[in-house]
Amino acid sequence: MAGTWRDFLTALVDVFRRPDQQALRAERRRAVAKLADQKIRDDQQVRRPER
């Protein structure tokens, strides 16, 4: 019986925690994209004077 309650409470906590995890994933995705864009800009700035 205790296992059933534990599973129920775990599922209940997961319901509220899941949106936070999705938000963190989205934030990481944006951070990686921003880092990639910055790296591309930096590489282009370095290469322009050589031409």
N, C-alpha and C. Protein backbone atom coordinates (compact mmCIF):
# COMPACT_ATOMS: atom_id res chain seq x y z
N MET A 1 0.82 -1.20 0.00
CA MET A 1 0.00 0.00 0.00
C MET A 1 0.86 1.26 0.00
N ALA A 2 1.95 1.23 0.74
CA ALA A 2 2.84 2.40 0.80
C ALA A 2 3.45 2.66 -0.57
N GLY A 3 3.74 1.60 -1.32
CA GLY A 3 4.30 1.76 -2.66
C GLY A 3 3.34 2.47 -3.59
N THR A 4 2.06 2.20 -3.44
CA THR A 4 1.05 2.84 -4.28
C THR A 4 1.00 4.34 -3.99
N TRP A 5 1.01 4.70 -2.71
CA TRP A 5 0.99 6.11 -2.35
C TRP A 5 2.26 6.82 -2.82
N ARG A 6 3.39 6.12 -2.69
CA ARG A 6 4.65 6.71 -3.14
C ARG A 6 4.60 6.98 -4.65
N ASP A 7 4.10 6.01 -5.41
CA ASP A 7 3.97 6.19 -6.86
C ASP A 7 3.02 7.33 -7.20
N PHE A 8 1.93 7.43 -6.45
CA PHE A 8 0.96 8.50 -6.68
C PHE A 8 1.60 9.87 -6.42
N LEU A 9 2.28 10.00 -5.30
CA LEU A 9 2.92 11.27 -4.97
C LEU A 9 4.04 11.61 -5.95
N THR A 10 4.78 10.62 -6.40
CA THR A 10 5.83 10.85 -7.39
C THR A 10 5.23 11.36 -8.69
N ALA A 11 4.13 10.74 -9.12
CA ALA A 11 3.46 11.18 -10.35
C ALA A 11 2.92 12.60 -10.18
N LEU A 12 2.40 12.91 -9.03
CA LEU A 12 1.86 14.24 -8.77
C LEU A 12 2.98 15.30 -8.81
N VAL A 13 4.10 15.00 -8.22
CA VAL A 13 5.23 15.93 -8.25
C VAL A 13 5.75 16.08 -9.67
N ASP A 14 5.80 15.00 -10.43
CA ASP A 14 6.28 15.05 -11.81
C ASP A 14 5.40 15.93 -12.68
N VAL A 15 4.11 15.96 -12.42
CA VAL A 15 3.19 16.79 -13.20
C VAL A 15 3.57 18.26 -13.07
N PHE A 16 3.91 18.67 -11.86
CA PHE A 16 4.26 20.08 -11.64
C PHE A 16 5.69 20.38 -12.04
N ARG A 17 6.56 19.39 -12.03
CA ARG A 17 7.96 19.61 -12.35
C ARG A 17 8.21 19.55 -13.85
N ARG A 18 7.42 18.85 -14.59
CA ARG A 18 7.63 18.67 -16.02
C ARG A 18 7.69 19.99 -16.80
N PRO A 19 6.78 20.96 -16.57
CA PRO A 19 6.90 22.23 -17.30
C PRO A 19 8.23 22.94 -17.03
N ASP A 20 8.74 22.83 -15.80
CA ASP A 20 10.02 23.44 -15.49
C ASP A 20 11.13 22.81 -16.32
N GLN A 21 11.08 21.50 -16.48
CA GLN A 21 12.10 20.81 -17.27
C GLN A 21 12.00 21.22 -18.73
N GLN A 22 10.80 21.39 -19.22
CA GLN A 22 10.63 21.83 -20.61
C GLN A 22 11.17 23.24 -20.78
N ALA A 23 10.94 24.08 -19.80
CA ALA A 23 11.45 25.45 -19.87
C ALA A 23 12.98 25.45 -19.85
N LEU A 24 13.56 24.58 -19.04
CA LEU A 24 15.02 24.49 -18.99
C LEU A 24 15.59 23.99 -20.31
N ARG A 25 14.92 23.00 -20.90
CA ARG A 25 15.37 22.51 -22.21
C ARG A 25 15.31 23.60 -23.26
N ALA A 26 14.24 24.37 -23.25
CA ALA A 26 14.09 25.45 -24.22
C ALA A 26 15.17 26.52 -23.99
N GLU A 27 15.45 26.83 -22.74
CA GLU A 27 16.48 27.83 -22.42
C GLU A 27 17.85 27.34 -22.87
N ARG A 28 18.14 26.06 -22.65
CA ARG A 28 19.42 25.50 -23.11
C ARG A 28 19.52 25.57 -24.62
N ARG A 29 18.43 25.25 -25.29
CA ARG A 29 18.42 25.28 -26.75
C ARG A 29 18.70 26.70 -27.26
N ARG A 30 18.07 27.69 -26.63
CA ARG A 30 18.31 29.09 -27.02
C ARG A 30 19.74 29.50 -26.73
N ALA A 31 20.29 29.05 -25.61
CA ALA A 31 21.67 29.41 -25.26
C ALA A 31 22.65 28.81 -26.26
N VAL A 32 22.43 27.57 -26.67
CA VAL A 32 23.31 26.94 -27.65
C VAL A 32 23.21 27.65 -28.99
N ALA A 33 22.01 28.01 -29.39
CA ALA A 33 21.82 28.72 -30.65
C ALA A 33 22.51 30.09 -30.60
N LYS A 34 22.39 30.78 -29.48
CA LYS A 34 23.03 32.09 -29.34
C LYS A 34 24.55 31.95 -29.37
N LEU A 35 25.07 30.93 -28.71
CA LEU A 35 26.50 30.68 -28.72
C LEU A 35 26.99 30.37 -30.13
N ALA A 36 26.25 29.57 -30.86
CA ALA A 36 26.62 29.23 -32.23
C ALA A 36 26.60 30.48 -33.11
N ASP A 37 25.59 31.31 -32.98
CA ASP A 37 25.52 32.55 -33.75
C ASP A 37 26.69 33.46 -33.44
N GLN A 38 27.03 33.56 -32.16
CA GLN A 38 28.15 34.41 -31.75
C GLN A 38 29.46 33.87 -32.32
N LYS A 39 29.64 32.58 -32.29
CA LYS A 39 30.86 31.96 -32.83
C LYS A 39 30.96 32.21 -34.33
N ILE A 40 29.87 32.10 -35.04
CA ILE A 40 29.86 32.36 -36.49
C ILE A 40 30.23 33.82 -36.76
N ARG A 41 29.64 34.75 -36.00
CA ARG A 41 29.97 36.17 -36.18
C ARG A 41 31.44 36.45 -35.89
N ASP A 42 31.96 35.84 -34.82
CA ASP A 42 33.36 36.03 -34.47
C ASP A 42 34.27 35.51 -35.58
N ASP A 43 33.94 34.34 -36.11
CA ASP A 43 34.75 33.77 -37.19
C ASP A 43 34.69 34.64 -38.44
N GLN A 44 33.56 35.21 -38.74
CA GLN A 44 33.42 36.06 -39.93
C GLN A 44 34.20 37.36 -39.75
N GLN A 45 34.22 37.90 -38.55
CA GLN A 45 34.96 39.13 -38.31
C GLN A 45 36.46 38.91 -38.45
N VAL A 46 36.93 37.77 -38.03
CA VAL A 46 38.35 37.46 -38.14
C VAL A 46 38.74 37.25 -39.59
N ARG A 47 37.90 36.65 -40.36
CA ARG A 47 38.21 36.33 -41.75
C ARG A 47 38.08 37.52 -42.69
N ARG A 48 37.26 38.50 -42.40
CA ARG A 48 37.03 39.62 -43.31
C ARG A 48 38.31 40.41 -43.64
N PRO A 49 39.13 40.76 -42.67
CA PRO A 49 40.33 41.53 -43.02
C PRO A 49 41.31 40.78 -43.90
N GLU A 50 41.30 39.47 -43.87
CA GLU A 50 42.22 38.69 -44.68
C GLU A 50 41.91 38.79 -46.17
N ARG A 51 40.71 39.10 -46.54
CA ARG A 51 40.31 39.12 -47.96
C ARG A 51 40.78 40.31 -48.66
